[in-house]
Amino acid sequence: MLKELSTTDYGLIGHPLGHSFSKSFFTELFAREKSGETYDNFDLPELTPEALYSLVLMNPNLKGFNVTSPYKQAIIPFLDSLSPEAERIGAVNTVKIIRDDTGMVRRLEGYNTDVEGFRSSVATMAASLAPGRGAIILGTGGASKAVAEALRQLGVPSLFVSRSKKGEDTVSYSDIDPTVIADYPLIINATPAGTFPDVDLMPPFPTQLLGPWTMVHDLVYNPAQTKLMRLAAQKGATVKNGLEMLHAQALASLNIWKQQ
């Protein structure tokens, strides 16, 4: 038995979604603009073809949705096409639904606006790096790939860090020493560690190596100051959370959904 159809215009899929500010951001934006548009969270414990079919069937007005952890890479096989940037990165955070005049879904198009969002958020930090210095990216998931692409566009060398070494451009946390920090003084947390409600967690990064010459950009925005940011600030590092990135990528997503 079908439940009552929804009239929402846009949304967010992922699991869990209790930490997300996307719904409140878009709701406030649409209220200010008096557009009458709506945005809802769709918490999917599992991403399956049936789950996506139900999402678009029960929401016939849905024009598109954002994708968050852990589905930025898992969503790709279910899409009909990818933007060049999403294909290059291998991760999607924005899906546009193409319907015909009857409302029938014809295509699901994948995009990545995390690159644009992070690039604008990190630009000032990147500009303050000395020539030849780069950034350490904590994590190797979908968000980290967008971070790496944004840094590439800004001309900033990057090095991935994971719990186990996975390639020539990746080191483990145990490999990080003062020499690595000297070469890569910008540290970016692209993992969900520290996200509400698990605010006491953080990546196993050696914060004792940080100092006033280092910078930490945490993509987590809830809480406003993560444990990693707090410990880094105590060492004199410049810190920034992911709220500005969230807003920038959200507006970029909205532009994609509204394009004819």
Protein backbone atom coordinates (compact mmCIF):
# COMPACT_ATOMS: atom_id res chain seq x y z
CA MET A 1 0.00 0.00 0.00
CA LEU A 2 1.49 3.35 -1.08
CA LYS A 3 1.75 6.08 1.50
CA GLU A 4 0.58 9.61 0.71
CA LEU A 5 2.64 11.18 -2.06
CA SER A 6 5.02 13.97 -1.07
CA THR A 7 5.22 17.35 -2.82
CA THR A 8 8.83 18.11 -1.84
CA ASP A 9 11.03 19.72 -4.52
CA TYR A 10 14.53 18.71 -3.37
CA GLY A 11 16.14 16.53 -0.74
CA LEU A 12 19.12 14.72 0.74
CA ILE A 13 19.90 11.01 0.87
CA GLY A 14 22.40 9.35 3.19
CA HIS A 15 22.56 7.53 6.50
CA PRO A 16 22.42 8.72 9.20
CA LEU A 17 21.23 12.28 8.62
CA GLY A 18 20.81 13.59 12.16
CA HIS A 19 23.93 15.74 11.81
CA SER A 20 22.98 17.43 8.54
CA PHE A 21 22.24 21.16 8.24
CA SER A 22 21.19 20.93 4.58
CA LYS A 23 17.45 20.89 5.25
CA SER A 24 17.57 23.91 7.55
CA PHE A 25 19.82 25.80 5.10
CA PHE A 26 17.49 25.28 2.15
CA THR A 27 14.34 25.81 4.20
CA GLU A 28 15.63 29.18 5.42
CA LEU A 29 16.78 30.11 1.90
CA PHE A 30 13.41 29.30 0.34
CA ALA A 31 11.61 31.19 3.13
CA ARG A 32 13.73 34.30 2.51
CA GLU A 33 13.09 34.07 -1.23
CA LYS A 34 9.40 33.26 -0.68
CA SER A 35 9.72 30.64 -3.42
CA GLY A 36 7.43 28.11 -1.77
CA GLU A 37 9.95 25.35 -2.52
CA THR A 38 10.71 22.58 -0.04
CA TYR A 39 13.66 20.36 0.91
CA ASP A 40 13.48 17.14 2.94
CA ASN A 41 15.81 14.51 4.36
CA PHE A 42 15.52 10.95 3.04
CA ASP A 43 17.38 8.68 5.43
CA LEU A 44 18.14 5.47 3.54
CA PRO A 45 19.64 2.75 5.76
CA GLU A 46 20.58 0.94 2.54
CA LEU A 47 21.06 2.24 -0.99
CA THR A 48 19.32 -0.11 -3.42
CA PRO A 49 17.50 0.27 -6.78
CA GLU A 50 14.26 -0.31 -4.89
CA ALA A 51 15.05 2.51 -2.44
CA LEU A 52 15.75 4.96 -5.28
CA TYR A 53 12.65 3.84 -7.19
CA SER A 54 10.52 4.41 -4.11
CA LEU A 55 12.13 7.83 -3.56
CA VAL A 56 11.22 9.16 -7.01
CA LEU A 57 7.83 7.39 -7.07
CA MET A 58 6.68 8.79 -3.74
CA ASN A 59 8.00 12.26 -4.56
CA PRO A 60 6.66 13.09 -8.04
CA ASN A 61 7.70 16.76 -7.75
CA LEU A 62 11.28 15.91 -6.78
CA LYS A 63 13.68 17.70 -9.13
CA GLY A 64 16.88 16.42 -7.55
CA PHE A 65 18.65 15.49 -4.36
CA ASN A 66 21.98 15.80 -2.62
CA VAL A 67 23.99 12.74 -1.65
CA THR A 68 26.01 12.47 1.53
CA SER A 69 27.95 9.77 3.38
CA PRO A 70 28.13 6.86 2.82
CA TYR A 71 26.62 6.96 -0.69
CA LYS A 72 28.73 9.45 -2.70
CA GLN A 73 30.45 6.61 -4.54
CA ALA A 74 27.78 3.91 -4.15
CA ILE A 75 25.19 6.02 -6.01
CA ILE A 76 27.17 6.02 -9.26
CA PRO A 77 26.01 2.63 -10.69
CA PHE A 78 22.39 3.77 -10.40
CA LEU A 79 22.87 6.91 -12.50
CA ASP A 80 22.41 7.34 -16.25
CA SER A 81 25.20 9.87 -16.70
CA LEU A 82 27.93 11.76 -14.85
CA SER A 83 29.28 15.25 -15.32
CA PRO A 84 32.94 15.29 -16.42
CA GLU A 85 33.99 16.44 -12.94
CA ALA A 86 32.00 13.74 -11.13
CA GLU A 87 33.40 11.11 -13.47
CA ARG A 88 36.96 12.32 -12.95
CA ILE A 89 36.56 12.35 -9.16
CA GLY A 90 34.56 9.15 -8.88
CA ALA A 91 32.06 10.63 -6.42
CA VAL A 92 28.64 12.31 -6.66
CA ASN A 93 26.96 14.66 -4.21
CA THR A 94 24.21 16.02 -6.46
CA VAL A 95 21.66 14.16 -8.57
CA LYS A 96 19.34 15.87 -11.05
CA ILE A 97 16.11 14.10 -11.99
CA ILE A 98 15.03 14.52 -15.61
CA ARG A 99 11.32 13.86 -16.16
CA ASP A 100 9.12 14.01 -19.23
CA ASP A 101 5.92 16.05 -19.49
CA THR A 102 3.95 13.31 -17.72
CA GLY A 103 6.33 13.23 -14.75
CA MET A 104 7.95 9.95 -15.79
CA VAL A 105 11.60 9.74 -14.78
CA ARG A 106 13.80 9.58 -17.88
CA ARG A 107 17.30 10.12 -16.50
CA LEU A 108 19.25 10.51 -13.28
CA GLU A 109 22.30 12.75 -13.79
CA GLY A 110 25.20 12.84 -11.33
CA TYR A 111 27.27 15.92 -10.45
CA ASN A 112 29.83 16.90 -7.85
CA THR A 113 29.53 20.38 -6.33
CA ASP A 114 31.78 19.52 -3.38
CA VAL A 115 34.73 20.59 -5.53
CA GLU A 116 33.33 24.07 -6.09
CA GLY A 117 32.25 24.34 -2.45
CA PHE A 118 35.60 23.29 -1.00
CA ARG A 119 37.63 25.32 -3.49
CA SER A 120 35.90 28.54 -2.44
CA SER A 121 36.16 27.64 1.26
CA VAL A 122 39.88 26.75 1.26
CA ALA A 123 41.06 29.42 -1.19
CA THR A 124 42.38 31.82 1.47
CA MET A 125 44.28 29.08 3.29
CA ALA A 126 45.71 27.78 0.02
CA ALA A 127 46.86 31.26 -0.97
CA SER A 128 48.82 31.60 2.28
CA LEU A 129 50.92 28.48 1.62
CA ALA A 130 54.56 29.04 0.78
CA PRO A 131 55.56 28.02 -2.76
CA GLY A 132 55.86 24.24 -3.06
CA ARG A 133 54.03 23.52 0.17
CA GLY A 134 50.92 21.35 0.09
CA ALA A 135 48.02 19.78 1.93
CA ILE A 136 47.47 16.52 3.79
CA ILE A 137 44.05 14.99 3.14
CA LEU A 138 42.78 12.75 5.94
CA GLY A 139 40.65 9.97 4.46
CA THR A 140 40.30 8.35 1.05
CA GLY A 141 36.51 8.34 0.57
CA GLY A 142 34.29 10.33 -1.78
CA ALA A 143 34.79 13.65 0.02
CA SER A 144 38.57 13.30 -0.11
CA LYS A 145 38.47 12.93 -3.89
CA ALA A 146 36.59 16.21 -4.25
CA VAL A 147 39.10 17.87 -1.92
CA ALA A 148 42.02 16.59 -3.99
CA GLU A 149 40.45 17.88 -7.22
CA ALA A 150 39.82 21.32 -5.69
CA LEU A 151 43.42 21.50 -4.49
CA ARG A 152 44.65 20.47 -7.94
CA GLN A 153 42.66 23.32 -9.46
CA LEU A 154 44.27 25.68 -6.95
CA GLY A 155 47.75 24.38 -7.75
CA VAL A 156 48.28 22.87 -4.28
CA PRO A 157 50.12 19.50 -4.01
CA SER A 158 48.29 16.96 -1.85
CA LEU A 159 48.99 13.76 0.04
CA PHE A 160 46.32 11.31 1.20
CA VAL A 161 46.46 9.79 4.68
CA SER A 162 44.62 6.61 5.64
CA ARG A 163 44.80 4.02 8.37
CA SER A 164 46.61 1.75 5.93
CA LYS A 165 48.79 2.85 3.01
CA LYS A 166 46.97 2.34 -0.30
CA GLY A 167 49.26 3.76 -2.98
CA GLU A 168 52.15 6.02 -3.90
CA ASP A 169 50.20 9.18 -3.07
CA THR A 170 48.96 7.79 0.27
CA VAL A 171 50.68 7.40 3.63
CA SER A 172 49.47 5.99 6.93
CA TYR A 173 48.97 8.09 10.04
CA SER A 174 52.09 6.51 11.56
CA ASP A 175 54.14 7.95 8.68
CA ILE A 176 53.35 11.54 9.63
CA ASP A 177 56.38 13.25 11.19
CA PRO A 178 57.73 16.83 11.43
CA THR A 179 59.19 16.57 7.92
CA VAL A 180 55.80 15.65 6.42
CA ILE A 181 54.12 18.48 8.32
CA ALA A 182 56.77 20.93 7.09
CA ASP A 183 56.04 19.97 3.47
CA TYR A 184 52.26 19.76 3.94
CA PRO A 185 51.27 22.36 6.57
CA LEU A 186 47.60 22.44 5.49
CA ILE A 187 45.68 19.54 7.05
CA ILE A 188 42.20 18.72 5.76
CA ASN A 189 39.89 16.29 7.52
CA ALA A 190 37.77 14.64 4.82
CA THR A 191 36.53 11.89 7.15
CA PRO A 192 33.27 12.01 9.15
CA ALA A 193 35.18 11.50 12.42
CA GLY A 194 33.98 13.99 15.01
CA THR A 195 30.55 14.54 13.47
CA PHE A 196 27.63 14.91 15.89
CA PRO A 197 26.76 12.93 17.95
CA ASP A 198 30.24 11.32 18.04
CA VAL A 199 31.92 14.59 18.98
CA ASP A 200 34.70 12.94 21.01
CA LEU A 201 36.09 11.15 17.97
CA MET A 202 38.80 12.38 15.60
CA PRO A 203 41.20 10.87 13.07
CA PRO A 204 44.38 9.46 14.68
CA PHE A 205 46.36 12.51 13.59
CA PRO A 206 49.41 13.56 15.69
CA THR A 207 48.22 17.03 16.69
CA GLN A 208 51.32 17.47 18.88
CA LEU A 209 53.21 18.17 15.63
CA LEU A 210 51.05 21.19 14.80
CA GLY A 211 51.96 24.81 15.45
CA PRO A 212 51.20 28.40 14.41
CA TRP A 213 52.62 27.69 10.94
CA THR A 214 49.95 25.04 10.24
CA MET A 215 46.30 25.19 9.22
CA VAL A 216 43.46 22.72 9.74
CA HIS A 217 40.31 22.68 7.60
CA ASP A 218 37.75 20.18 8.90
CA LEU A 219 34.92 19.35 6.50
CA VAL A 220 32.74 18.51 9.52
CA TYR A 221 30.43 21.43 10.40
CA ASN A 222 28.37 19.93 13.22
CA PRO A 223 29.73 20.61 15.82
CA ALA A 224 31.13 23.99 14.82
CA GLN A 225 34.45 23.09 16.48
CA THR A 226 35.49 19.48 16.30
CA LYS A 227 37.93 17.80 18.65
CA LEU A 228 40.58 17.96 15.92
CA MET A 229 40.02 21.69 15.49
CA ARG A 230 40.12 22.31 19.24
CA LEU A 231 43.42 20.48 19.72
CA ALA A 232 44.90 22.17 16.65
CA ALA A 233 43.85 25.61 17.89
CA GLN A 234 45.52 24.89 21.23
CA LYS A 235 48.77 24.44 19.28
CA GLY A 236 48.29 27.80 17.59
CA ALA A 237 47.09 26.45 14.24
CA THR A 238 44.55 28.32 12.13
CA VAL A 239 41.32 26.29 12.00
CA LYS A 240 38.14 26.30 9.93
CA ASN A 241 35.08 24.05 9.78
CA GLY A 242 33.03 22.89 6.79
CA LEU A 243 30.00 25.19 7.08
CA GLU A 244 31.14 27.60 4.36
CA MET A 245 31.79 24.64 2.07
CA LEU A 246 28.31 23.27 2.82
CA HIS A 247 26.65 26.53 1.86
CA ALA A 248 28.69 26.96 -1.32
CA GLN A 249 28.11 23.41 -2.58
CA ALA A 250 24.41 23.65 -1.70
CA LEU A 251 23.94 26.79 -3.80
CA ALA A 252 25.85 25.14 -6.66
CA SER A 253 23.51 22.13 -6.42
CA LEU A 254 20.47 24.40 -6.58
CA ASN A 255 21.81 26.02 -9.75
CA ILE A 256 22.12 22.58 -11.36
CA TRP A 257 18.57 21.59 -10.38
CA LYS A 258 17.14 24.82 -11.79
CA GLN A 259 18.99 24.67 -15.12
CA GLN A 260 16.70 23.84 -18.01
